[in-house]
Amino acid sequence: MRDPRTLVVAAIQNGNVASFASARKWATQVTGREVASTMPMRRRSPPPGNLEVREASPVELGQVAEAIDSFYTEHDLTHPQSASTLAPWFERSRLPTPVCLYMVTVEPKGQIVAGFGI
């Protein structure tokens, strides 16, 4: 039985009839055209503001999960998150320095306004 949390993505070139025929055997969705873009890096740091960037704490994982789910509401290629689904992700590393972490940007009153996971 397939694990329902598994996500398989195939980027198939338009017109590749054989690959599309193969994918129809296992695919549950077809998203259509995908678009990717690049942005130039800043040459200088932005001016300091009132926001703090730091690692998310374990007690904030519920809030982080809610924000992730809210952001991805209209997306097909995502799974719902919760504090309990995010917690193991932070504990994966057997290395002295963690490889998985989640950074948050926090307003002075403690509200998380942005985040990213590595």
PDB file of N, CA and C in Angstrom:
ATOM      1  N   MET A   1       0.837  -1.186   0.000  1.00  0.00           N
ATOM      2  CA  MET A   1       0.000   0.000   0.000  1.00  0.00           C
ATOM      3  C   MET A   1       0.882   1.250   0.000  1.00  0.00           C
ATOM      4  N   ARG A   2       0.494   2.227  -0.760  1.00  0.00           N
ATOM      5  CA  ARG A   2       1.248   3.478  -0.839  1.00  0.00           C
ATOM      6  C   ARG A   2       1.001   4.333   0.389  1.00  0.00           C
ATOM      7  N   ASP A   3       2.054   5.013   0.830  1.00  0.00           N
ATOM      8  CA  ASP A   3       1.939   5.938   1.945  1.00  0.00           C
ATOM      9  C   ASP A   3       1.219   7.189   1.431  1.00  0.00           C
ATOM     10  N   PRO A   4       0.077   7.581   2.008  1.00  0.00           N
ATOM     11  CA  PRO A   4      -0.675   8.734   1.497  1.00  0.00           C
ATOM     12  C   PRO A   4       0.064  10.055   1.659  1.00  0.00           C
ATOM     13  N   ARG A   5       1.130  10.076   2.465  1.00  0.00           N
ATOM     14  CA  ARG A   5       1.911  11.306   2.638  1.00  0.00           C
ATOM     15  C   ARG A   5       2.964  11.466   1.557  1.00  0.00           C
ATOM     16  N   THR A   6       3.118  10.478   0.696  1.00  0.00           N
ATOM     17  CA  THR A   6       4.142  10.520  -0.338  1.00  0.00           C
ATOM     18  C   THR A   6       3.662  11.373  -1.505  1.00  0.00           C
ATOM     19  N   LEU A   7       4.527  12.228  -1.966  1.00  0.00           N
ATOM     20  CA  LEU A   7       4.222  13.102  -3.087  1.00  0.00           C
ATOM     21  C   LEU A   7       5.180  12.767  -4.219  1.00  0.00           C
ATOM     22  N   VAL A   8       4.634  12.405  -5.362  1.00  0.00           N
ATOM     23  CA  VAL A   8       5.452  12.108  -6.533  1.00  0.00           C
ATOM     24  C   VAL A   8       5.148  13.174  -7.574  1.00  0.00           C
ATOM     25  N   VAL A   9       6.193  13.822  -8.052  1.00  0.00           N
ATOM     26  CA  VAL A   9       6.039  14.883  -9.045  1.00  0.00           C
ATOM     27  C   VAL A   9       6.843  14.498 -10.275  1.00  0.00           C
ATOM     28  N   ALA A  10       6.238  14.669 -11.440  1.00  0.00           N
ATOM     29  CA  ALA A  10       6.942  14.409 -12.695  1.00  0.00           C
ATOM     30  C   ALA A  10       6.809  15.642 -13.585  1.00  0.00           C
ATOM     31  N   ALA A  11       7.920  16.168 -14.019  1.00  0.00           N
ATOM     32  CA  ALA A  11       7.914  17.279 -14.968  1.00  0.00           C
ATOM     33  C   ALA A  11       8.049  16.662 -16.359  1.00  0.00           C
ATOM     34  N   ILE A  12       6.954  16.654 -17.091  1.00  0.00           N
ATOM     35  CA  ILE A  12       6.940  16.014 -18.411  1.00  0.00           C
ATOM     36  C   ILE A  12       6.824  17.095 -19.479  1.00  0.00           C
ATOM     37  N   GLN A  13       7.728  17.039 -20.418  1.00  0.00           N
ATOM     38  CA  GLN A  13       7.734  18.014 -21.504  1.00  0.00           C
ATOM     39  C   GLN A  13       6.462  17.888 -22.329  1.00  0.00           C
ATOM     40  N   ASN A  14       5.873  19.029 -22.672  1.00  0.00           N
ATOM     41  CA  ASN A  14       4.660  19.041 -23.475  1.00  0.00           C
ATOM     42  C   ASN A  14       4.888  18.275 -24.777  1.00  0.00           C
ATOM     43  N   GLY A  15       3.973  17.398 -25.120  1.00  0.00           N
ATOM     44  CA  GLY A  15       4.082  16.619 -26.343  1.00  0.00           C
ATOM     45  C   GLY A  15       4.741  15.265 -26.156  1.00  0.00           C
ATOM     46  N   ASN A  16       5.231  14.958 -24.966  1.00  0.00           N
ATOM     47  CA  ASN A  16       5.861  13.668 -24.706  1.00  0.00           C
ATOM     48  C   ASN A  16       4.747  12.655 -24.415  1.00  0.00           C
ATOM     49  N   VAL A  17       4.168  12.125 -25.465  1.00  0.00           N
ATOM     50  CA  VAL A  17       2.993  11.265 -25.394  1.00  0.00           C
ATOM     51  C   VAL A  17       3.249  10.015 -24.547  1.00  0.00           C
ATOM     52  N   ALA A  18       4.387   9.388 -24.711  1.00  0.00           N
ATOM     53  CA  ALA A  18       4.681   8.153 -23.979  1.00  0.00           C
ATOM     54  C   ALA A  18       4.755   8.408 -22.468  1.00  0.00           C
ATOM     55  N   SER A  19       5.413   9.493 -22.059  1.00  0.00           N
ATOM     56  CA  SER A  19       5.522   9.794 -20.628  1.00  0.00           C
ATOM     57  C   SER A  19       4.169  10.147 -20.031  1.00  0.00           C
ATOM     58  N   PHE A  20       3.344  10.890 -20.766  1.00  0.00           N
ATOM     59  CA  PHE A  20       1.999  11.205 -20.275  1.00  0.00           C
ATOM     60  C   PHE A  20       1.164   9.933 -20.145  1.00  0.00           C
ATOM     61  N   ALA A  21       1.288   9.018 -21.089  1.00  0.00           N
ATOM     62  CA  ALA A  21       0.547   7.755 -21.028  1.00  0.00           C
ATOM     63  C   ALA A  21       0.973   6.953 -19.790  1.00  0.00           C
ATOM     64  N   SER A  22       2.258   6.938 -19.507  1.00  0.00           N
ATOM     65  CA  SER A  22       2.752   6.233 -18.332  1.00  0.00           C
ATOM     66  C   SER A  22       2.245   6.893 -17.052  1.00  0.00           C
ATOM     67  N   ALA A  23       2.299   8.205 -16.994  1.00  0.00           N
ATOM     68  CA  ALA A  23       1.876   8.937 -15.796  1.00  0.00           C
ATOM     69  C   ALA A  23       0.387   8.759 -15.515  1.00  0.00           C
ATOM     70  N   ARG A  24      -0.419   8.590 -16.553  1.00  0.00           N
ATOM     71  CA  ARG A  24      -1.860   8.400 -16.349  1.00  0.00           C
ATOM     72  C   ARG A  24      -2.156   7.139 -15.538  1.00  0.00           C
ATOM     73  N   LYS A  25      -1.224   6.199 -15.512  1.00  0.00           N
ATOM     74  CA  LYS A  25      -1.424   4.949 -14.766  1.00  0.00           C
ATOM     75  C   LYS A  25      -1.317   5.170 -13.259  1.00  0.00           C
ATOM     76  N   TRP A  26      -0.553   6.166 -12.816  1.00  0.00           N
ATOM     77  CA  TRP A  26      -0.342   6.360 -11.384  1.00  0.00           C
ATOM     78  C   TRP A  26      -0.715   7.748 -10.873  1.00  0.00           C
ATOM     79  N   ALA A  27      -0.826   8.726 -11.759  1.00  0.00           N
ATOM     80  CA  ALA A  27      -1.086  10.101 -11.330  1.00  0.00           C
ATOM     81  C   ALA A  27      -2.529  10.279 -10.853  1.00  0.00           C
ATOM     82  N   THR A  28      -2.687  11.026  -9.781  1.00  0.00           N
ATOM     83  CA  THR A  28      -4.024  11.364  -9.293  1.00  0.00           C
ATOM     84  C   THR A  28      -4.413  12.783  -9.684  1.00  0.00           C
ATOM     85  N   GLN A  29      -3.446  13.582 -10.100  1.00  0.00           N
ATOM     86  CA  GLN A  29      -3.693  14.956 -10.522  1.00  0.00           C
ATOM     87  C   GLN A  29      -2.707  15.347 -11.606  1.00  0.00           C
ATOM     88  N   VAL A  30      -3.116  16.267 -12.450  1.00  0.00           N
ATOM     89  CA  VAL A  30      -2.219  16.872 -13.422  1.00  0.00           C
ATOM     90  C   VAL A  30      -2.389  18.375 -13.253  1.00  0.00           C
ATOM     91  N   THR A  31      -1.286  19.068 -12.978  1.00  0.00           N
ATOM     92  CA  THR A  31      -1.387  20.490 -12.673  1.00  0.00           C
ATOM     93  C   THR A  31      -1.329  21.382 -13.894  1.00  0.00           C
ATOM     94  N   GLY A  32      -0.823  20.875 -14.983  1.00  0.00           N
ATOM     95  CA  GLY A  32      -0.699  21.721 -16.155  1.00  0.00           C
ATOM     96  C   GLY A  32       0.636  22.427 -16.190  1.00  0.00           C
ATOM     97  N   ARG A  33       0.663  23.583 -16.802  1.00  0.00           N
ATOM     98  CA  ARG A  33       1.901  24.323 -17.011  1.00  0.00           C
ATOM     99  C   ARG A  33       2.468  24.846 -15.700  1.00  0.00           C
ATOM    100  N   GLU A  34       3.764  24.642 -15.500  1.00  0.00           N
ATOM    101  CA  GLU A  34       4.469  25.151 -14.329  1.00  0.00           C
ATOM    102  C   GLU A  34       5.377  26.281 -14.767  1.00  0.00           C
ATOM    103  N   VAL A  35       5.468  27.309 -13.960  1.00  0.00           N
ATOM    104  CA  VAL A  35       6.298  28.464 -14.283  1.00  0.00           C
ATOM    105  C   VAL A  35       7.263  28.716 -13.127  1.00  0.00           C
ATOM    106  N   ALA A  36       8.521  28.898 -13.431  1.00  0.00           N
ATOM    107  CA  ALA A  36       9.528  29.223 -12.418  1.00  0.00           C
ATOM    108  C   ALA A  36      10.204  30.527 -12.822  1.00  0.00           C
ATOM    109  N   SER A  37      10.610  31.294 -11.830  1.00  0.00           N
ATOM    110  CA  SER A  37      11.299  32.544 -12.139  1.00  0.00           C
ATOM    111  C   SER A  37      12.453  32.747 -11.161  1.00  0.00           C
ATOM    112  N   THR A  38      13.370  33.606 -11.544  1.00  0.00           N
ATOM    113  CA  THR A  38      14.503  33.922 -10.681  1.00  0.00           C
ATOM    114  C   THR A  38      14.452  35.401 -10.333  1.00  0.00           C
ATOM    115  N   MET A  39      15.082  35.736  -9.232  1.00  0.00           N
ATOM    116  CA  MET A  39      15.156  37.133  -8.805  1.00  0.00           C
ATOM    117  C   MET A  39      16.602  37.450  -8.442  1.00  0.00           C
ATOM    118  N   PRO A  40      17.059  38.659  -8.735  1.00  0.00           N
ATOM    119  CA  PRO A  40      18.437  39.003  -8.374  1.00  0.00           C
ATOM    120  C   PRO A  40      18.577  39.137  -6.860  1.00  0.00           C
ATOM    121  N   MET A  41      19.768  38.855  -6.362  1.00  0.00           N
ATOM    122  CA  MET A  41      20.075  39.005  -4.938  1.00  0.00           C
ATOM    123  C   MET A  41      20.305  40.479  -4.629  1.00  0.00           C
ATOM    124  N   ARG A  42      20.018  40.877  -3.411  1.00  0.00           N
ATOM    125  CA  ARG A  42      20.315  42.248  -2.970  1.00  0.00           C
ATOM    126  C   ARG A  42      21.829  42.463  -2.944  1.00  0.00           C
ATOM    127  N   ARG A  43      22.252  43.658  -3.259  1.00  0.00           N
ATOM    128  CA  ARG A  43      23.673  43.988  -3.180  1.00  0.00           C
ATOM    129  C   ARG A  43      24.051  44.434  -1.767  1.00  0.00           C
ATOM    130  N   ARG A  44      23.063  44.988  -1.027  1.00  0.00           N
ATOM    131  CA  ARG A  44      23.281  45.441   0.349  1.00  0.00           C
ATOM    132  C   ARG A  44      22.137  44.940   1.223  1.00  0.00           C
ATOM    133  N   SER A  45      22.404  44.841   2.499  1.00  0.00           N
ATOM    134  CA  SER A  45      21.360  44.444   3.448  1.00  0.00           C
ATOM    135  C   SER A  45      20.292  45.527   3.513  1.00  0.00           C
ATOM    136  N   PRO A  46      19.038  45.147   3.742  1.00  0.00           N
ATOM    137  CA  PRO A  46      17.999  46.166   3.902  1.00  0.00           C
ATOM    138  C   PRO A  46      18.237  46.940   5.206  1.00  0.00           C
ATOM    139  N   PRO A  47      17.675  48.133   5.298  1.00  0.00           N
ATOM    140  CA  PRO A  47      17.860  48.899   6.542  1.00  0.00           C
ATOM    141  C   PRO A  47      17.236  48.143   7.722  1.00  0.00           C
ATOM    142  N   PRO A  48      17.812  48.297   8.917  1.00  0.00           N
ATOM    143  CA  PRO A  48      17.257  47.587  10.073  1.00  0.00           C
ATOM    144  C   PRO A  48      15.841  48.063  10.360  1.00  0.00           C
ATOM    145  N   GLY A  49      15.023  47.154  10.814  1.00  0.00           N
ATOM    146  CA  GLY A  49      13.641  47.490  11.149  1.00  0.00           C
ATOM    147  C   GLY A  49      13.290  46.931  12.512  1.00  0.00           C
ATOM    148  N   ASN A  50      12.014  46.771  12.759  1.00  0.00           N
ATOM    149  CA  ASN A  50      11.548  46.275  14.044  1.00  0.00           C
ATOM    150  C   ASN A  50      11.297  44.778  14.038  1.00  0.00           C
ATOM    151  N   LEU A  51      11.674  44.089  12.978  1.00  0.00           N
ATOM    152  CA  LEU A  51      11.422  42.654  12.886  1.00  0.00           C
ATOM    153  C   LEU A  51      12.632  41.870  13.370  1.00  0.00           C
ATOM    154  N   GLU A  52      12.365  40.712  13.948  1.00  0.00           N
ATOM    155  CA  GLU A  52      13.424  39.821  14.410  1.00  0.00           C
ATOM    156  C   GLU A  52      13.347  38.528  13.602  1.00  0.00           C
ATOM    157  N   VAL A  53      14.486  38.050  13.127  1.00  0.00           N
ATOM    158  CA  VAL A  53      14.563  36.773  12.426  1.00  0.00           C
ATOM    159  C   VAL A  53      15.298  35.802  13.345  1.00  0.00           C
ATOM    160  N   ARG A  54      14.655  34.641  13.613  1.00  0.00           N
ATOM    161  CA  ARG A  54      15.231  33.660  14.528  1.00  0.00           C
ATOM    162  C   ARG A  54      14.656  32.283  14.223  1.00  0.00           C
ATOM    163  N   GLU A  55      15.235  31.268  14.867  1.00  0.00           N
ATOM    164  CA  GLU A  55      14.696  29.920  14.721  1.00  0.00           C
ATOM    165  C   GLU A  55      13.357  29.829  15.439  1.00  0.00           C
ATOM    166  N   ALA A  56      12.428  29.070  14.865  1.00  0.00           N
ATOM    167  CA  ALA A  56      11.146  28.829  15.525  1.00  0.00           C
ATOM    168  C   ALA A  56      11.381  27.941  16.740  1.00  0.00           C
ATOM    169  N   SER A  57      10.651  28.196  17.799  1.00  0.00           N
ATOM    170  CA  SER A  57      10.758  27.351  18.986  1.00  0.00           C
ATOM    171  C   SER A  57       9.721  26.234  18.889  1.00  0.00           C
ATOM    172  N   PRO A  58       9.926  25.121  19.582  1.00  0.00           N
ATOM    173  CA  PRO A  58       8.972  24.010  19.530  1.00  0.00           C
ATOM    174  C   PRO A  58       7.546  24.413  19.901  1.00  0.00           C
ATOM    175  N   VAL A  59       7.378  25.368  20.809  1.00  0.00           N
ATOM    176  CA  VAL A  59       6.025  25.777  21.198  1.00  0.00           C
ATOM    177  C   VAL A  59       5.329  26.583  20.097  1.00  0.00           C
ATOM    178  N   GLU A  60       6.084  27.047  19.106  1.00  0.00           N
ATOM    179  CA  GLU A  60       5.495  27.820  18.000  1.00  0.00           C
ATOM    180  C   GLU A  60       5.118  26.958  16.806  1.00  0.00           C
ATOM    181  N   LEU A  61       5.395  25.660  16.858  1.00  0.00           N
ATOM    182  CA  LEU A  61       5.155  24.803  15.692  1.00  0.00           C
ATOM    183  C   LEU A  61       3.688  24.776  15.273  1.00  0.00           C
ATOM    184  N   GLY A  62       2.772  24.855  16.224  1.00  0.00           N
ATOM    185  CA  GLY A  62       1.346  24.903  15.870  1.00  0.00           C
ATOM    186  C   GLY A  62       1.013  26.137  15.061  1.00  0.00           C
ATOM    187  N   GLN A  63       1.531  27.271  15.484  1.00  0.00           N
ATOM    188  CA  GLN A  63       1.311  28.530  14.763  1.00  0.00           C
ATOM    189  C   GLN A  63       1.974  28.479  13.389  1.00  0.00           C
ATOM    190  N   VAL A  64       3.169  27.905  13.315  1.00  0.00           N
ATOM    191  CA  VAL A  64       3.868  27.760  12.037  1.00  0.00           C
ATOM    192  C   VAL A  64       3.055  26.867  11.103  1.00  0.00           C
ATOM    193  N   ALA A  65       2.552  25.754  11.615  1.00  0.00           N
ATOM    194  CA  ALA A  65       1.756  24.823  10.796  1.00  0.00           C
ATOM    195  C   ALA A  65       0.501  25.501  10.264  1.00  0.00           C
ATOM    196  N   GLU A  66      -0.182  26.262  11.104  1.00  0.00           N
ATOM    197  CA  GLU A  66      -1.380  26.985  10.657  1.00  0.00           C
ATOM    198  C   GLU A  66      -1.046  27.963   9.540  1.00  0.00           C
ATOM    199  N   ALA A  67       0.079  28.653   9.661  1.00  0.00           N
ATOM    200  CA  ALA A  67       0.488  29.616   8.635  1.00  0.00           C
ATOM    201  C   ALA A  67       0.824  28.901   7.326  1.00  0.00           C
ATOM    202  N   ILE A  68       1.509  27.763   7.422  1.00  0.00           N
ATOM    203  CA  ILE A  68       1.832  26.987   6.215  1.00  0.00           C
ATOM    204  C   ILE A  68       0.549  26.547   5.528  1.00  0.00           C
ATOM    205  N   ASP A  69      -0.379  25.975   6.291  1.00  0.00           N
ATOM    206  CA  ASP A  69      -1.643  25.510   5.714  1.00  0.00           C
ATOM    207  C   ASP A  69      -2.440  26.646   5.098  1.00  0.00           C
ATOM    208  N   SER A  70      -2.440  27.792   5.764  1.00  0.00           N
ATOM    209  CA  SER A  70      -3.163  28.952   5.237  1.00  0.00           C
ATOM    210  C   SER A  70      -2.560  29.414   3.915  1.00  0.00           C
ATOM    211  N   PHE A  71      -1.224  29.445   3.842  1.00  0.00           N
ATOM    212  CA  PHE A  71      -0.550  29.881   2.618  1.00  0.00           C
ATOM    213  C   PHE A  71      -0.837  28.937   1.454  1.00  0.00           C
ATOM    214  N   TYR A  72      -0.851  27.628   1.724  1.00  0.00           N
ATOM    215  CA  TYR A  72      -0.995  26.637   0.665  1.00  0.00           C
ATOM    216  C   TYR A  72      -2.430  26.161   0.452  1.00  0.00           C
ATOM    217  N   THR A  73      -3.424  26.879   0.948  1.00  0.00           N
ATOM    218  CA  THR A  73      -4.820  26.462   0.837  1.00  0.00           C
ATOM    219  C   THR A  73      -5.222  26.109  -0.593  1.00  0.00           C
ATOM    220  N   GLU A  74      -4.845  26.904  -1.550  1.00  0.00           N
ATOM    221  CA  GLU A  74      -5.268  26.700  -2.943  1.00  0.00           C
ATOM    222  C   GLU A  74      -4.274  25.876  -3.763  1.00  0.00           C
ATOM    223  N   HIS A  75      -3.271  25.286  -3.136  1.00  0.00           N
ATOM    224  CA  HIS A  75      -2.266  24.508  -3.854  1.00  0.00           C
ATOM    225  C   HIS A  75      -2.586  23.021  -3.786  1.00  0.00           C
ATOM    226  N   ASP A  76      -2.278  22.315  -4.861  1.00  0.00           N
ATOM    227  CA  ASP A  76      -2.523  20.877  -4.916  1.00  0.00           C
ATOM    228  C   ASP A  76      -1.381  20.057  -4.334  1.00  0.00           C
ATOM    229  N   LEU A  77      -0.156  20.488  -4.518  1.00  0.00           N
ATOM    230  CA  LEU A  77       1.002  19.662  -4.180  1.00  0.00           C
ATOM    231  C   LEU A  77       1.510  19.948  -2.775  1.00  0.00           C
ATOM    232  N   THR A  78       0.654  19.776  -1.799  1.00  0.00           N
ATOM    233  CA  THR A  78       1.035  19.997  -0.405  1.00  0.00           C
ATOM    234  C   THR A  78       0.222  19.085   0.500  1.00  0.00           C
ATOM    235  N   HIS A  79       0.721  18.873   1.693  1.00  0.00           N
ATOM    236  CA  HIS A  79       0.015  18.078   2.693  1.00  0.00           C
ATOM    237  C   HIS A  79      -0.277  18.971   3.895  1.00  0.00           C
ATOM    238  N   PRO A  80      -1.418  18.780   4.557  1.00  0.00           N
ATOM    239  CA  PRO A  80      -1.705  19.567   5.766  1.00  0.00           C
ATOM    240  C   PRO A  80      -0.627  19.342   6.826  1.00  0.00           C
ATOM    241  N   GLN A  81      -0.314  20.394   7.559  1.00  0.00           N
ATOM    242  CA  GLN A  81       0.713  20.331   8.597  1.00  0.00           C
ATOM    243  C   GLN A  81       0.100  20.554   9.969  1.00  0.00           C
ATOM    244  N   SER A  82       0.808  20.111  10.985  1.00  0.00           N
ATOM    245  CA  SER A  82       0.431  20.349  12.379  1.00  0.00           C
ATOM    246  C   SER A  82       1.721  20.366  13.185  1.00  0.00           C
ATOM    247  N   ALA A  83       1.622  20.743  14.442  1.00  0.00           N
ATOM    248  CA  ALA A  83       2.811  20.731  15.293  1.00  0.00           C
ATOM    249  C   ALA A  83       3.397  19.328  15.343  1.00  0.00           C
ATOM    250  N   SER A  84       2.538  18.309  15.381  1.00  0.00           N
ATOM    251  CA  SER A  84       3.042  16.930  15.477  1.00  0.00           C
ATOM    252  C   SER A  84       3.659  16.437  14.170  1.00  0.00           C
ATOM    253  N   THR A  85       3.249  16.979  13.024  1.00  0.00           N
ATOM    254  CA  THR A  85       3.891  16.567  11.759  1.00  0.00           C
ATOM    255  C   THR A  85       5.194  17.319  11.527  1.00  0.00           C
ATOM    256  N   LEU A  86       5.313  18.536  12.082  1.00  0.00           N
ATOM    257  CA  LEU A  86       6.546  19.312  11.911  1.00  0.00           C
ATOM    258  C   LEU A  86       7.638  18.893  12.889  1.00  0.00           C
ATOM    259  N   ALA A  87       7.274  18.482  14.078  1.00  0.00           N
ATOM    260  CA  ALA A  87       8.263  18.164  15.118  1.00  0.00           C
ATOM    261  C   ALA A  87       9.320  17.150  14.674  1.00  0.00           C
ATOM    262  N   PRO A  88       8.945  16.012  14.058  1.00  0.00           N
ATOM    263  CA  PRO A  88       9.976  15.046  13.650  1.00  0.00           C
ATOM    264  C   PRO A  88      10.945  15.613  12.615  1.00  0.00           C
ATOM    265  N   TRP A  89      10.478  16.533  11.805  1.00  0.00           N
ATOM    266  CA  TRP A  89      11.319  17.136  10.773  1.00  0.00           C
ATOM    267  C   TRP A  89      12.499  17.856  11.416  1.00  0.00           C
ATOM    268  N   PHE A  90      12.293  18.482  12.547  1.00  0.00           N
ATOM    269  CA  PHE A  90      13.359  19.196  13.251  1.00  0.00           C
ATOM    270  C   PHE A  90      14.333  18.236  13.925  1.00  0.00           C
ATOM    271  N   GLU A  91      13.903  17.016  14.170  1.00  0.00           N
ATOM    272  CA  GLU A  91      14.722  16.052  14.911  1.00  0.00           C
ATOM    273  C   GLU A  91      15.456  15.065  14.008  1.00  0.00           C
ATOM    274  N   ARG A  92      15.385  15.240  12.699  1.00  0.00           N
ATOM    275  CA  ARG A  92      15.947  14.268  11.758  1.00  0.00           C
ATOM    276  C   ARG A  92      17.458  14.146  11.791  1.00  0.00           C
ATOM    277  N   SER A  93      18.155  15.201  12.060  1.00  0.00           N
ATOM    278  CA  SER A  93      19.606  15.207  11.932  1.00  0.00           C
ATOM    279  C   SER A  93      20.282  14.395  13.033  1.00  0.00           C
ATOM    280  N   ARG A  94      21.216  13.565  12.630  1.00  0.00           N
ATOM    281  CA  ARG A  94      22.058  12.869  13.596  1.00  0.00           C
ATOM    282  C   ARG A  94      23.423  13.568  13.682  1.00  0.00           C
ATOM    283  N   LEU A  95      23.520  14.692  13.001  1.00  0.00           N
ATOM    284  CA  LEU A  95      24.769  15.460  13.000  1.00  0.00           C
ATOM    285  C   LEU A  95      24.787  16.422  14.187  1.00  0.00           C
ATOM    286  N   PRO A  96      25.962  16.858  14.608  1.00  0.00           N
ATOM    287  CA  PRO A  96      26.039  17.807  15.724  1.00  0.00           C
ATOM    288  C   PRO A  96      25.325  19.126  15.436  1.00  0.00           C
ATOM    289  N   THR A  97      25.370  19.561  14.187  1.00  0.00           N
ATOM    290  CA  THR A  97      24.676  20.781  13.784  1.00  0.00           C
ATOM    291  C   THR A  97      23.407  20.378  13.039  1.00  0.00           C
ATOM    292  N   PRO A  98      22.240  20.876  13.458  1.00  0.00           N
ATOM    293  CA  PRO A  98      20.997  20.481  12.787  1.00  0.00           C
ATOM    294  C   PRO A  98      21.001  20.853  11.304  1.00  0.00           C
ATOM    295  N   VAL A  99      20.441  19.977  10.491  1.00  0.00           N
ATOM    296  CA  VAL A  99      20.335  20.273   9.062  1.00  0.00           C
ATOM    297  C   VAL A  99      18.947  20.810   8.735  1.00  0.00           C
ATOM    298  N   CYS A 100      17.967  20.454   9.509  1.00  0.00           N
ATOM    299  CA  CYS A 100      16.602  20.924   9.293  1.00  0.00           C
ATOM    300  C   CYS A 100      16.264  21.965  10.356  1.00  0.00           C
ATOM    301  N   LEU A 101      15.840  23.121   9.899  1.00  0.00           N
ATOM    302  CA  LEU A 101      15.400  24.133  10.844  1.00  0.00           C
ATOM    303  C   LEU A 101      14.350  25.005  10.184  1.00  0.00           C
ATOM    304  N   TYR A 102      13.601  25.706  10.992  1.00  0.00           N
ATOM    305  CA  TYR A 102      12.581  26.607  10.482  1.00  0.00           C
ATOM    306  C   TYR A 102      12.831  27.979  11.086  1.00  0.00           C
ATOM    307  N   MET A 103      13.053  28.958  10.234  1.00  0.00           N
ATOM    308  CA  MET A 103      13.299  30.329  10.655  1.00  0.00           C
ATOM    309  C   MET A 103      11.997  31.112  10.576  1.00  0.00           C
ATOM    310  N   VAL A 104      11.779  32.006  11.516  1.00  0.00           N
ATOM    311  CA  VAL A 104      10.586  32.846  11.503  1.00  0.00           C
ATOM    312  C   VAL A 104      10.996  34.309  11.602  1.00  0.00           C
ATOM    313  N   THR A 105      10.157  35.165  11.062  1.00  0.00           N
ATOM    314  CA  THR A 105      10.290  36.605  11.220  1.00  0.00           C
ATOM    315  C   THR A 105       9.157  37.030  12.138  1.00  0.00           C
ATOM    316  N   VAL A 106       9.518  37.734  13.212  1.00  0.00           N
ATOM    317  CA  VAL A 106       8.559  38.044  14.261  1.00  0.00           C
ATOM    318  C   VAL A 106       8.472  39.553  14.473  1.00  0.00           C
ATOM    319  N   GLU A 107       7.234  40.046  14.603  1.00  0.00           N
ATOM    320  CA  GLU A 107       7.013  41.452  14.935  1.00  0.00           C
ATOM    321  C   GLU A 107       7.329  41.676  16.418  1.00  0.00           C
ATOM    322  N   PRO A 108       7.521  42.948  16.829  1.00  0.00           N
ATOM    323  CA  PRO A 108       7.846  43.224  18.228  1.00  0.00           C
ATOM    324  C   PRO A 108       6.863  42.625  19.234  1.00  0.00           C
ATOM    325  N   LYS A 109       5.577  42.514  18.873  1.00  0.00           N
ATOM    326  CA  LYS A 109       4.580  41.959  19.805  1.00  0.00           C
ATOM    327  C   LYS A 109       4.544  40.438  19.794  1.00  0.00           C
ATOM    328  N   GLY A 110       5.453  39.800  19.026  1.00  0.00           N
ATOM    329  CA  GLY A 110       5.548  38.334  19.035  1.00  0.00           C
ATOM    330  C   GLY A 110       4.798  37.624  17.913  1.00  0.00           C
ATOM    331  N   GLN A 111       4.106  38.349  17.039  1.00  0.00           N
ATOM    332  CA  GLN A 111       3.355  37.729  15.935  1.00  0.00           C
ATOM    333  C   GLN A 111       4.315  37.281  14.837  1.00  0.00           C
ATOM    334  N   ILE A 112       4.223  36.007  14.453  1.00  0.00           N
ATOM    335  CA  ILE A 112       5.039  35.495  13.342  1.00  0.00           C
ATOM    336  C   ILE A 112       4.433  36.016  12.048  1.00  0.00           C
ATOM    337  N   VAL A 113       5.254  36.666  11.224  1.00  0.00           N
ATOM    338  CA  VAL A 113       4.750  37.239   9.977  1.00  0.00           C
ATOM    339  C   VAL A 113       5.334  36.572   8.737  1.00  0.00           C
ATOM    340  N   ALA A 114       6.380  35.761   8.913  1.00  0.00           N
ATOM    341  CA  ALA A 114       6.966  35.066   7.773  1.00  0.00           C
ATOM    342  C   ALA A 114       7.826  33.917   8.309  1.00  0.00           C
ATOM    343  N   GLY A 115       8.142  32.987   7.432  1.00  0.00           N
ATOM    344  CA  GLY A 115       9.004  31.889   7.835  1.00  0.00           C
ATOM    345  C   GLY A 115       9.478  31.101   6.635  1.00  0.00           C
ATOM    346  N   PHE A 116      10.526  30.316   6.856  1.00  0.00           N
ATOM    347  CA  PHE A 116      11.003  29.418   5.818  1.00  0.00           C
ATOM    348  C   PHE A 116      11.702  28.244   6.457  1.00  0.00           C
ATOM    349  N   GLY A 117      11.583  27.096   5.828  1.00  0.00           N
ATOM    350  CA  GLY A 117      12.207  25.889   6.342  1.00  0.00           C
ATOM    351  C   GLY A 117      13.365  25.459   5.457  1.00  0.00           C
ATOM    352  N   ILE A 118      14.372  24.914   6.114  1.00  0.00           N
ATOM    353  CA  ILE A 118      15.544  24.395   5.399  1.00  0.00           C
ATOM    354  C   ILE A 118      15.694  22.936   5.755  1.00  0.00           C
TER     355      ILE A 118
END
